[in-house]
Each structure stands twice: as structure tokens, then as C-alpha cells.
């Protein structure tokens, strides 16, 4: 899965990076920065929790195709 951020919608409520600092951080204005855009399976629940906490819906989840070697 991949996380998308719409920076125009983010107003800096701090919910995403307060709940899941391993996935999200803040910039100098207190707005969201996605630290891990392509989320590994073991961090999926944490990422979903952060995305769901955003009151502006500035974050979304996009499915990505798994590649096999």
C-alpha cells in the first residue's frame, strides 16, 4: 500500500503523526509529512490508523501491485 498526502488539505491537527510517528512526521509549520510512503505489511495497521485520524481527509491509501522476483 502507498500513502498519498494532499498538502492543500492538511491544516496540522497533529493526529496522524501523534498516533503513528513511525509513518508520519511534521514539517516546520506543523503539517503532515509522510515518512514512509510505501508501507510494508508490518506497518499497515499503523498507517491506516493515521490516515483514518485525519479530520480533513488529507491522507489516503492507494493499493499497489505486489511485484514478484
PDB file of N, CA and C in Angstrom:
ATOM      1  N   UNK A   1       0.826  -1.182   0.000  1.00  0.00           N
ATOM      2  CA  UNK A   1       0.000   0.000   0.000  1.00  0.00           C
ATOM      3  C   UNK A   1       0.868   1.243   0.000  1.00  0.00           C
ATOM      4  N   UNK A   2       0.315   2.302  -0.524  1.00  0.00           N
ATOM      5  CA  UNK A   2       1.036   3.569  -0.610  1.00  0.00           C
ATOM      6  C   UNK A   2       0.150   4.667  -0.003  1.00  0.00           C
ATOM      7  N   UNK A   3       0.775   5.578   0.712  1.00  0.00           N
ATOM      8  CA  UNK A   3       0.045   6.695   1.318  1.00  0.00           C
ATOM      9  C   UNK A   3       0.220   7.923   0.449  1.00  0.00           C
ATOM     10  N   UNK A   4      -0.871   8.593   0.208  1.00  0.00           N
ATOM     11  CA  UNK A   4      -0.869   9.853  -0.537  1.00  0.00           C
ATOM     12  C   UNK A   4      -1.285  10.977   0.405  1.00  0.00           C
ATOM     13  N   UNK A   5      -0.605  12.103   0.283  1.00  0.00           N
ATOM     14  CA  UNK A   5      -0.911  13.290   1.074  1.00  0.00           C
ATOM     15  C   UNK A   5      -1.313  14.417   0.142  1.00  0.00           C
ATOM     16  N   UNK A   6      -2.438  15.047   0.448  1.00  0.00           N
ATOM     17  CA  UNK A   6      -2.846  16.265  -0.256  1.00  0.00           C
ATOM     18  C   UNK A   6      -2.470  17.426   0.657  1.00  0.00           C
ATOM     19  N   UNK A   7      -1.313  18.061   0.427  1.00  0.00           N
ATOM     20  CA  UNK A   7      -0.840  19.103   1.345  1.00  0.00           C
ATOM     21  C   UNK A   7      -1.748  20.324   1.405  1.00  0.00           C
ATOM     22  N   UNK A   8      -2.562  20.521   0.391  1.00  0.00           N
ATOM     23  CA  UNK A   8      -3.508  21.642   0.389  1.00  0.00           C
ATOM     24  C   UNK A   8      -4.610  21.456   1.428  1.00  0.00           C
ATOM     25  N   UNK A   9      -4.923  20.212   1.752  1.00  0.00           N
ATOM     26  CA  UNK A   9      -5.991  19.917   2.713  1.00  0.00           C
ATOM     27  C   UNK A   9      -5.507  19.851   4.159  1.00  0.00           C
ATOM     28  N   UNK A  10      -4.225  19.580   4.356  1.00  0.00           N
ATOM     29  CA  UNK A  10      -3.682  19.429   5.710  1.00  0.00           C
ATOM     30  C   UNK A  10      -3.603  20.786   6.407  1.00  0.00           C
ATOM     31  N   UNK A  11      -4.177  20.848   7.614  1.00  0.00           N
ATOM     32  CA  UNK A  11      -4.112  22.078   8.402  1.00  0.00           C
ATOM     33  C   UNK A  11      -3.339  21.884   9.701  1.00  0.00           C
ATOM     34  N   UNK A  12      -2.773  20.714   9.912  1.00  0.00           N
ATOM     35  CA  UNK A  12      -1.893  20.492  11.052  1.00  0.00           C
ATOM     36  C   UNK A  12      -2.574  20.165  12.361  1.00  0.00           C
ATOM     37  N   UNK A  13      -3.537  19.267  12.354  1.00  0.00           N
ATOM     38  CA  UNK A  13      -4.171  18.845  13.604  1.00  0.00           C
ATOM     39  C   UNK A  13      -3.300  17.913  14.443  1.00  0.00           C
ATOM     40  N   UNK A  14      -2.237  17.391  13.862  1.00  0.00           N
ATOM     41  CA  UNK A  14      -1.257  16.541  14.544  1.00  0.00           C
ATOM     42  C   UNK A  14      -1.728  15.123  14.827  1.00  0.00           C
ATOM     43  N   UNK A  15      -2.883  14.760  14.397  1.00  0.00           N
ATOM     44  CA  UNK A  15      -3.401  13.429  14.733  1.00  0.00           C
ATOM     45  C   UNK A  15      -2.614  12.303  14.079  1.00  0.00           C
ATOM     46  N   UNK A  16      -2.275  12.448  12.814  1.00  0.00           N
ATOM     47  CA  UNK A  16      -1.581  11.363  12.115  1.00  0.00           C
ATOM     48  C   UNK A  16      -0.221  11.084  12.740  1.00  0.00           C
ATOM     49  N   UNK A  17       0.589  12.111  12.928  1.00  0.00           N
ATOM     50  CA  UNK A  17       1.936  11.860  13.448  1.00  0.00           C
ATOM     51  C   UNK A  17       1.968  11.690  14.955  1.00  0.00           C
ATOM     52  N   UNK A  18       0.918  12.091  15.654  1.00  0.00           N
ATOM     53  CA  UNK A  18       0.838  11.786  17.083  1.00  0.00           C
ATOM     54  C   UNK A  18       0.533  10.310  17.293  1.00  0.00           C
ATOM     55  N   UNK A  19      -0.335   9.753  16.447  1.00  0.00           N
ATOM     56  CA  UNK A  19      -0.719   8.343  16.561  1.00  0.00           C
ATOM     57  C   UNK A  19       0.330   7.397  15.990  1.00  0.00           C
ATOM     58  N   UNK A  20       0.941   7.790  14.879  1.00  0.00           N
ATOM     59  CA  UNK A  20       1.852   6.885  14.180  1.00  0.00           C
ATOM     60  C   UNK A  20       3.112   7.612  13.699  1.00  0.00           C
ATOM     61  N   UNK A  21       3.976   7.969  14.634  1.00  0.00           N
ATOM     62  CA  UNK A  21       5.195   8.702  14.260  1.00  0.00           C
ATOM     63  C   UNK A  21       6.163   7.884  13.410  1.00  0.00           C
ATOM     64  N   UNK A  22       5.980   6.587  13.354  1.00  0.00           N
ATOM     65  CA  UNK A  22       6.834   5.761  12.504  1.00  0.00           C
ATOM     66  C   UNK A  22       6.469   5.893  11.023  1.00  0.00           C
ATOM     67  N   UNK A  23       5.307   6.466  10.734  1.00  0.00           N
ATOM     68  CA  UNK A  23       4.833   6.632   9.360  1.00  0.00           C
ATOM     69  C   UNK A  23       4.788   8.105   8.957  1.00  0.00           C
ATOM     70  N   UNK A  24       4.401   8.965   9.898  1.00  0.00           N
ATOM     71  CA  UNK A  24       4.197  10.385   9.617  1.00  0.00           C
ATOM     72  C   UNK A  24       5.058  11.254  10.523  1.00  0.00           C
ATOM     73  N   UNK A  25       5.362  12.449  10.051  1.00  0.00           N
ATOM     74  CA  UNK A  25       6.089  13.435  10.839  1.00  0.00           C
ATOM     75  C   UNK A  25       5.474  14.789  10.525  1.00  0.00           C
ATOM     76  N   UNK A  26       6.050  15.839  11.089  1.00  0.00           N
ATOM     77  CA  UNK A  26       5.555  17.182  10.820  1.00  0.00           C
ATOM     78  C   UNK A  26       6.645  18.043  10.206  1.00  0.00           C
ATOM     79  N   UNK A  27       6.218  19.026   9.429  1.00  0.00           N
ATOM     80  CA  UNK A  27       7.178  19.965   8.863  1.00  0.00           C
ATOM     81  C   UNK A  27       7.323  21.159   9.797  1.00  0.00           C
ATOM     82  N   UNK A  28       8.035  22.187   9.359  1.00  0.00           N
ATOM     83  CA  UNK A  28       8.284  23.361  10.211  1.00  0.00           C
ATOM     84  C   UNK A  28       7.019  24.155  10.529  1.00  0.00           C
ATOM     85  N   UNK A  29       5.940  23.920   9.781  1.00  0.00           N
ATOM     86  CA  UNK A  29       4.664  24.602  10.050  1.00  0.00           C
ATOM     87  C   UNK A  29       3.698  23.735  10.847  1.00  0.00           C
ATOM     88  N   UNK A  30       4.131  22.528  11.212  1.00  0.00           N
ATOM     89  CA  UNK A  30       3.273  21.629  11.972  1.00  0.00           C
ATOM     90  C   UNK A  30       2.321  20.827  11.117  1.00  0.00           C
ATOM     91  N   UNK A  31       2.618  20.732   9.837  1.00  0.00           N
ATOM     92  CA  UNK A  31       1.760  19.977   8.925  1.00  0.00           C
ATOM     93  C   UNK A  31       2.396  18.634   8.588  1.00  0.00           C
ATOM     94  N   UNK A  32       1.572  17.734   8.137  1.00  0.00           N
ATOM     95  CA  UNK A  32       1.987  16.351   7.899  1.00  0.00           C
ATOM     96  C   UNK A  32       3.059  16.215   6.822  1.00  0.00           C
ATOM     97  N   UNK A  33       3.978  15.302   7.098  1.00  0.00           N
ATOM     98  CA  UNK A  33       4.956  14.822   6.133  1.00  0.00           C
ATOM     99  C   UNK A  33       4.899  13.298   6.203  1.00  0.00           C
ATOM    100  N   UNK A  34       4.792  12.659   5.062  1.00  0.00           N
ATOM    101  CA  UNK A  34       4.771  11.196   5.016  1.00  0.00           C
ATOM    102  C   UNK A  34       6.209  10.708   5.000  1.00  0.00           C
ATOM    103  N   UNK A  35       6.590   9.969   6.035  1.00  0.00           N
ATOM    104  CA  UNK A  35       7.949   9.455   6.173  1.00  0.00           C
ATOM    105  C   UNK A  35       8.107   8.138   5.418  1.00  0.00           C
ATOM    106  N   UNK A  36       7.064   7.307   5.456  1.00  0.00           N
ATOM    107  CA  UNK A  36       7.084   6.009   4.789  1.00  0.00           C
ATOM    108  C   UNK A  36       5.906   5.974   3.814  1.00  0.00           C
ATOM    109  N   UNK A  37       6.144   6.337   2.563  1.00  0.00           N
ATOM    110  CA  UNK A  37       5.056   6.382   1.578  1.00  0.00           C
ATOM    111  C   UNK A  37       4.633   4.979   1.144  1.00  0.00           C
ATOM    112  N   UNK A  38       5.597   4.103   0.879  1.00  0.00           N
ATOM    113  CA  UNK A  38       5.304   2.720   0.514  1.00  0.00           C
ATOM    114  C   UNK A  38       5.391   1.878   1.784  1.00  0.00           C
ATOM    115  N   UNK A  39       4.240   1.579   2.325  1.00  0.00           N
ATOM    116  CA  UNK A  39       4.147   0.977   3.656  1.00  0.00           C
ATOM    117  C   UNK A  39       4.322  -0.542   3.592  1.00  0.00           C
ATOM    118  N   UNK A  40       5.267  -1.081   4.362  1.00  0.00           N
ATOM    119  CA  UNK A  40       5.425  -2.535   4.429  1.00  0.00           C
ATOM    120  C   UNK A  40       4.270  -3.166   5.213  1.00  0.00           C
ATOM    121  N   UNK A  41       4.046  -4.431   4.975  1.00  0.00           N
ATOM    122  CA  UNK A  41       2.913  -5.146   5.577  1.00  0.00           C
ATOM    123  C   UNK A  41       2.870  -5.012   7.096  1.00  0.00           C
ATOM    124  N   UNK A  42       4.026  -5.032   7.738  1.00  0.00           N
ATOM    125  CA  UNK A  42       4.037  -4.986   9.205  1.00  0.00           C
ATOM    126  C   UNK A  42       3.649  -3.616   9.770  1.00  0.00           C
ATOM    127  N   UNK A  43       3.593  -2.599   8.936  1.00  0.00           N
ATOM    128  CA  UNK A  43       3.186  -1.268   9.400  1.00  0.00           C
ATOM    129  C   UNK A  43       1.826  -0.840   8.849  1.00  0.00           C
ATOM    130  N   UNK A  44       1.148  -1.741   8.175  1.00  0.00           N
ATOM    131  CA  UNK A  44      -0.129  -1.420   7.532  1.00  0.00           C
ATOM    132  C   UNK A  44      -1.176  -0.902   8.515  1.00  0.00           C
ATOM    133  N   UNK A  45      -1.366  -1.583   9.631  1.00  0.00           N
ATOM    134  CA  UNK A  45      -2.382  -1.152  10.603  1.00  0.00           C
ATOM    135  C   UNK A  45      -2.074   0.235  11.149  1.00  0.00           C
ATOM    136  N   UNK A  46      -0.820   0.508  11.446  1.00  0.00           N
ATOM    137  CA  UNK A  46      -0.430   1.827  11.954  1.00  0.00           C
ATOM    138  C   UNK A  46      -0.715   2.908  10.923  1.00  0.00           C
ATOM    139  N   UNK A  47      -0.387   2.633   9.667  1.00  0.00           N
ATOM    140  CA  UNK A  47      -0.639   3.604   8.603  1.00  0.00           C
ATOM    141  C   UNK A  47      -2.131   3.874   8.449  1.00  0.00           C
ATOM    142  N   UNK A  48      -2.927   2.844   8.468  1.00  0.00           N
ATOM    143  CA  UNK A  48      -4.379   3.012   8.345  1.00  0.00           C
ATOM    144  C   UNK A  48      -4.937   3.828   9.506  1.00  0.00           C
ATOM    145  N   UNK A  49      -4.423   3.603  10.695  1.00  0.00           N
ATOM    146  CA  UNK A  49      -4.856   4.357  11.878  1.00  0.00           C
ATOM    147  C   UNK A  49      -4.562   5.850  11.698  1.00  0.00           C
ATOM    148  N   UNK A  50      -3.392   6.181  11.215  1.00  0.00           N
ATOM    149  CA  UNK A  50      -3.033   7.573  10.979  1.00  0.00           C
ATOM    150  C   UNK A  50      -3.877   8.223   9.901  1.00  0.00           C
ATOM    151  N   UNK A  51      -4.108   7.505   8.815  1.00  0.00           N
ATOM    152  CA  UNK A  51      -4.928   8.028   7.718  1.00  0.00           C
ATOM    153  C   UNK A  51      -6.358   8.280   8.187  1.00  0.00           C
ATOM    154  N   UNK A  52      -6.919   7.342   8.912  1.00  0.00           N
ATOM    155  CA  UNK A  52      -8.297   7.470   9.392  1.00  0.00           C
ATOM    156  C   UNK A  52      -8.459   8.603  10.401  1.00  0.00           C
ATOM    157  N   UNK A  53      -7.398   8.986  11.075  1.00  0.00           N
ATOM    158  CA  UNK A  53      -7.473  10.031  12.100  1.00  0.00           C
ATOM    159  C   UNK A  53      -7.493  11.440  11.519  1.00  0.00           C
ATOM    160  N   UNK A  54      -7.204  11.594  10.245  1.00  0.00           N
ATOM    161  CA  UNK A  54      -7.115  12.923   9.642  1.00  0.00           C
ATOM    162  C   UNK A  54      -8.506  13.526   9.443  1.00  0.00           C
ATOM    163  N   UNK A  55      -8.820  14.630  10.145  1.00  0.00           N
ATOM    164  CA  UNK A  55     -10.160  15.209  10.022  1.00  0.00           C
ATOM    165  C   UNK A  55     -10.408  15.889   8.673  1.00  0.00           C
ATOM    166  N   UNK A  56      -9.354  16.277   7.971  1.00  0.00           N
ATOM    167  CA  UNK A  56      -9.517  16.921   6.664  1.00  0.00           C
ATOM    168  C   UNK A  56      -9.486  15.938   5.510  1.00  0.00           C
ATOM    169  N   UNK A  57      -9.239  14.667   5.810  1.00  0.00           N
ATOM    170  CA  UNK A  57      -9.077  13.635   4.785  1.00  0.00           C
ATOM    171  C   UNK A  57      -7.982  14.027   3.793  1.00  0.00           C
ATOM    172  N   UNK A  58      -6.900  14.563   4.338  1.00  0.00           N
ATOM    173  CA  UNK A  58      -5.745  14.939   3.520  1.00  0.00           C
ATOM    174  C   UNK A  58      -4.886  13.732   3.163  1.00  0.00           C
ATOM    175  N   UNK A  59      -5.111  12.630   3.840  1.00  0.00           N
ATOM    176  CA  UNK A  59      -4.359  11.405   3.602  1.00  0.00           C
ATOM    177  C   UNK A  59      -5.258  10.351   2.991  1.00  0.00           C
ATOM    178  N   UNK A  60      -4.696   9.562   2.089  1.00  0.00           N
ATOM    179  CA  UNK A  60      -5.445   8.457   1.506  1.00  0.00           C
ATOM    180  C   UNK A  60      -4.495   7.285   1.276  1.00  0.00           C
ATOM    181  N   UNK A  61      -5.083   6.129   1.085  1.00  0.00           N
ATOM    182  CA  UNK A  61      -4.321   4.902   0.861  1.00  0.00           C
ATOM    183  C   UNK A  61      -4.598   4.415  -0.551  1.00  0.00           C
ATOM    184  N   UNK A  62      -3.524   4.054  -1.215  1.00  0.00           N
ATOM    185  CA  UNK A  62      -3.612   3.539  -2.580  1.00  0.00           C
ATOM    186  C   UNK A  62      -3.006   2.150  -2.593  1.00  0.00           C
ATOM    187  N   UNK A  63      -3.715   1.206  -3.170  1.00  0.00           N
ATOM    188  CA  UNK A  63      -3.177  -0.141  -3.299  1.00  0.00           C
ATOM    189  C   UNK A  63      -2.117  -0.143  -4.388  1.00  0.00           C
ATOM    190  N   UNK A  64      -1.054  -0.872  -4.156  1.00  0.00           N
ATOM    191  CA  UNK A  64      -0.020  -1.018  -5.185  1.00  0.00           C
ATOM    192  C   UNK A  64       0.146  -2.498  -5.484  1.00  0.00           C
ATOM    193  N   UNK A  65       0.486  -2.796  -6.689  1.00  0.00           N
ATOM    194  CA  UNK A  65       0.659  -4.182  -7.110  1.00  0.00           C
ATOM    195  C   UNK A  65       1.920  -4.750  -6.471  1.00  0.00           C
ATOM    196  N   UNK A  66       1.794  -5.954  -5.984  1.00  0.00           N
ATOM    197  CA  UNK A  66       2.946  -6.654  -5.433  1.00  0.00           C
ATOM    198  C   UNK A  66       3.782  -7.175  -6.603  1.00  0.00           C
ATOM    199  N   UNK A  67       5.074  -7.000  -6.516  1.00  0.00           N
ATOM    200  CA  UNK A  67       5.949  -7.498  -7.565  1.00  0.00           C
ATOM    201  C   UNK A  67       6.694  -8.707  -7.073  1.00  0.00           C
ATOM    202  N   UNK A  68       6.744  -9.714  -7.862  1.00  0.00           N
ATOM    203  CA  UNK A  68       7.470 -10.923  -7.503  1.00  0.00           C
ATOM    204  C   UNK A  68       8.763 -11.006  -8.287  1.00  0.00           C
ATOM    205  N   UNK A  69       9.762 -11.589  -7.658  1.00  0.00           N
ATOM    206  CA  UNK A  69      11.050 -11.692  -8.365  1.00  0.00           C
ATOM    207  C   UNK A  69      11.242 -13.065  -8.916  1.00  0.00           C
TER     208      UNK A  69
END
